[in-house]
Amino acid sequence: MAEGFLQRRLSDVAAGQPDGRVRIHSAGTRATLGSSPREVLSAAADFGVDLSAHRSRQLDSALLAEADLVIGMAREHVREAALTGAGAFGKSFTLRELLRRAADTGGPRGGEPLADWLAIVGAGRTTAELMGSSKIDDVSDPYGGPQRGYDASAVVIDELVTVLAQLLAPAVPS
């Protein structure tokens, strides 16, 4: 859902890109690959996002190497990214952690490279913060639960990616 919602939110600010969009890709840390569950399709459709063509894929070092920013929904996702890809820790955050840290620093200044902004946002951060099981920065995973859990997650994800898109707007080429 986060991929589709963020793509939708960033599409307006990325109109100047040669292909009219920012490239956003999702990958999972679980071995379940394939199409999105019907509950996800339904929850996303309520926000005008069609995920019927989406196919999940496994997170790997090649995907991490080409990514400028890695966003996980939970600490365990960021931990997996940091363990999978060399250099991935500095550009990997949970969505809530990134927004929490950015609340203190603001978004990228016009023309500031994303990597420079991420270094500012991540200043003082250590890999030890990935240990433990605190859920403070996690977005609840409704997988296997009732539709209302997916719907609730969709609301949260949409709110969070809306803020992220507003923060990233200056960094999107125009």
Protein backbone atom coordinates (compact mmCIF):
# COMPACT_ATOMS: atom_id res chain seq x y z
CA MET A 1 0.00 0.00 0.00
CA ALA A 2 2.78 2.43 0.88
CA GLU A 3 4.30 2.15 -2.59
CA GLY A 4 1.00 2.93 -4.32
CA PHE A 5 0.03 5.69 -1.94
CA LEU A 6 3.43 7.40 -2.11
CA GLN A 7 3.49 7.12 -5.90
CA ARG A 8 0.13 8.86 -6.02
CA ARG A 9 1.19 11.59 -3.59
CA LEU A 10 4.49 12.30 -5.35
CA SER A 11 3.11 12.23 -8.89
CA ASP A 12 2.12 15.90 -8.79
CA VAL A 13 5.51 17.15 -7.59
CA ALA A 14 7.37 14.90 -10.04
CA ALA A 15 5.66 16.19 -13.16
CA GLY A 16 9.00 17.53 -14.44
CA GLN A 17 10.70 14.12 -14.41
CA PRO A 18 11.41 12.82 -17.94
CA ASP A 19 8.95 9.98 -17.43
CA GLY A 20 6.61 12.08 -15.28
CA ARG A 21 7.19 10.23 -12.03
CA VAL A 22 9.57 9.31 -9.29
CA ARG A 23 10.53 5.64 -9.26
CA ILE A 24 9.15 3.90 -6.20
CA HIS A 25 9.50 0.18 -5.70
CA SER A 26 8.52 -2.06 -2.84
CA ALA A 27 10.07 -5.28 -1.68
CA GLY A 28 9.32 -7.53 1.24
CA THR A 29 11.32 -9.33 3.86
CA ARG A 30 8.95 -12.31 3.93
CA ALA A 31 9.11 -15.12 1.43
CA THR A 32 5.45 -14.67 0.36
CA LEU A 33 5.59 -13.45 -3.23
CA GLY A 34 2.81 -12.78 -5.68
CA SER A 35 -0.14 -10.46 -5.99
CA SER A 36 -1.61 -8.35 -3.21
CA PRO A 37 -4.23 -9.94 -0.96
CA ARG A 38 -7.80 -8.94 -1.74
CA GLU A 39 -7.96 -7.04 1.57
CA VAL A 40 -5.08 -4.81 0.43
CA LEU A 41 -6.70 -4.26 -2.96
CA SER A 42 -9.95 -3.25 -1.28
CA ALA A 43 -8.32 -0.91 1.25
CA ALA A 44 -6.21 0.78 -1.45
CA ALA A 45 -9.18 1.12 -3.80
CA ASP A 46 -10.97 3.16 -1.13
CA PHE A 47 -8.14 5.72 -1.63
CA GLY A 48 -8.30 5.60 -5.42
CA VAL A 49 -5.17 3.43 -5.71
CA ASP A 50 -5.31 0.37 -7.96
CA LEU A 51 -2.80 -2.26 -6.82
CA SER A 52 -4.15 -5.10 -8.96
CA ALA A 53 -1.01 -5.18 -11.13
CA HIS A 54 1.37 -5.09 -8.16
CA ARG A 55 3.55 -8.16 -7.63
CA SER A 56 5.61 -8.51 -4.50
CA ARG A 57 9.30 -9.27 -4.61
CA GLN A 58 11.98 -10.14 -2.12
CA LEU A 59 14.30 -7.48 -0.72
CA ASP A 60 17.87 -8.09 -1.85
CA SER A 61 21.23 -6.35 -1.98
CA ALA A 62 20.80 -5.28 -5.62
CA LEU A 63 17.56 -3.42 -4.86
CA LEU A 64 19.17 -1.78 -1.84
CA ALA A 65 22.22 -0.71 -3.83
CA GLU A 66 20.13 1.17 -6.38
CA ALA A 67 17.80 2.79 -3.82
CA ASP A 68 18.28 6.37 -2.69
CA LEU A 69 15.90 5.94 0.24
CA VAL A 70 14.61 2.76 1.88
CA ILE A 71 11.43 3.01 3.93
CA GLY A 72 10.20 0.17 6.10
CA MET A 73 6.91 -0.06 7.88
CA ALA A 74 8.54 -1.68 10.91
CA ARG A 75 11.88 -1.72 12.68
CA GLU A 76 12.41 -5.33 11.61
CA HIS A 77 12.28 -4.21 7.96
CA VAL A 78 14.97 -1.58 8.49
CA ARG A 79 17.05 -4.10 10.41
CA GLU A 80 16.75 -6.55 7.51
CA ALA A 81 17.75 -3.86 5.01
CA ALA A 82 20.79 -2.90 7.09
CA LEU A 83 21.87 -6.54 7.27
CA THR A 84 21.20 -7.24 3.58
CA GLY A 85 22.82 -4.29 1.85
CA ALA A 86 26.21 -2.74 2.50
CA GLY A 87 25.67 0.94 3.24
CA ALA A 88 21.91 0.56 3.50
CA PHE A 89 21.62 1.65 7.14
CA GLY A 90 22.20 5.35 6.44
CA LYS A 91 19.37 5.49 3.93
CA SER A 92 16.95 3.09 5.67
CA PHE A 93 14.30 4.29 8.11
CA THR A 94 10.86 3.27 9.23
CA LEU A 95 8.32 5.67 7.80
CA ARG A 96 7.45 6.97 11.25
CA GLU A 97 11.10 7.29 12.30
CA LEU A 98 11.92 9.31 9.19
CA LEU A 99 9.00 11.66 9.78
CA ARG A 100 9.79 11.97 13.49
CA ARG A 101 13.42 12.86 12.78
CA ALA A 102 12.46 15.18 9.92
CA ALA A 103 10.13 17.08 12.24
CA ASP A 104 13.31 18.42 13.89
CA THR A 105 15.28 19.11 10.69
CA GLY A 106 12.65 19.87 8.09
CA GLY A 107 12.69 18.52 4.56
CA PRO A 108 15.47 18.84 2.02
CA ARG A 109 16.24 22.42 1.07
CA GLY A 110 15.79 23.28 -2.61
CA GLY A 111 18.55 21.57 -4.56
CA GLU A 112 19.90 19.67 -1.55
CA PRO A 113 20.78 16.11 -2.56
CA LEU A 114 18.62 13.50 -0.88
CA ALA A 115 21.71 11.73 0.51
CA ASP A 116 22.82 14.95 2.25
CA TRP A 117 19.38 15.40 3.79
CA LEU A 118 19.30 11.78 4.97
CA ALA A 119 22.68 12.31 6.66
CA ILE A 120 21.23 15.28 8.54
CA VAL A 121 18.03 13.43 9.45
CA GLY A 122 20.02 10.39 10.58
CA ALA A 123 22.68 12.28 12.54
CA GLY A 124 23.45 10.54 15.83
CA ARG A 125 21.51 7.44 14.86
CA THR A 126 23.10 4.08 15.66
CA THR A 127 22.47 0.53 14.56
CA ALA A 128 21.84 -0.34 18.21
CA GLU A 129 18.51 1.49 17.82
CA LEU A 130 17.39 -1.32 15.52
CA MET A 131 17.67 -3.88 18.29
CA GLY A 132 14.81 -4.75 20.59
CA SER A 133 11.15 -4.98 19.86
CA SER A 134 9.80 -1.48 20.46
CA LYS A 135 6.88 -0.76 18.16
CA ILE A 136 7.02 3.02 18.61
CA ASP A 137 7.99 3.67 14.98
CA ASP A 138 6.12 0.75 13.41
CA VAL A 139 3.01 0.83 11.25
CA SER A 140 0.77 -2.06 12.26
CA ASP A 141 0.80 -5.00 9.86
CA PRO A 142 -2.74 -6.33 9.34
CA TYR A 143 -1.61 -9.41 7.38
CA GLY A 144 -3.95 -12.34 7.99
CA GLY A 145 -6.43 -10.25 9.95
CA PRO A 146 -9.88 -8.88 9.13
CA GLN A 147 -10.57 -6.21 6.51
CA ARG A 148 -10.97 -3.51 9.16
CA GLY A 149 -7.27 -3.92 10.05
CA TYR A 150 -6.26 -3.34 6.44
CA ASP A 151 -8.58 -0.34 6.24
CA ALA A 152 -7.09 1.13 9.41
CA SER A 153 -3.55 0.59 8.12
CA ALA A 154 -4.48 2.28 4.84
CA VAL A 155 -5.64 5.38 6.72
CA VAL A 156 -2.38 5.54 8.71
CA ILE A 157 -0.18 4.90 5.68
CA ASP A 158 -1.98 7.53 3.62
CA GLU A 159 -1.56 10.12 6.38
CA LEU A 160 2.14 9.32 6.79
CA VAL A 161 3.02 9.26 3.09
CA THR A 162 1.16 12.53 2.59
CA VAL A 163 3.52 14.16 5.09
CA LEU A 164 6.52 12.43 3.50
CA ALA A 165 5.55 13.64 0.01
CA GLN A 166 5.29 17.20 1.32
CA LEU A 167 8.74 16.89 2.91
CA LEU A 168 10.33 15.41 -0.21
CA ALA A 169 8.76 17.82 -2.69
CA PRO A 170 11.83 20.12 -2.78
CA ALA A 171 14.10 17.15 -3.50
CA VAL A 172 12.06 15.90 -6.46
CA PRO A 173 13.57 17.15 -9.73
CA SER A 174 11.29 19.49 -11.65
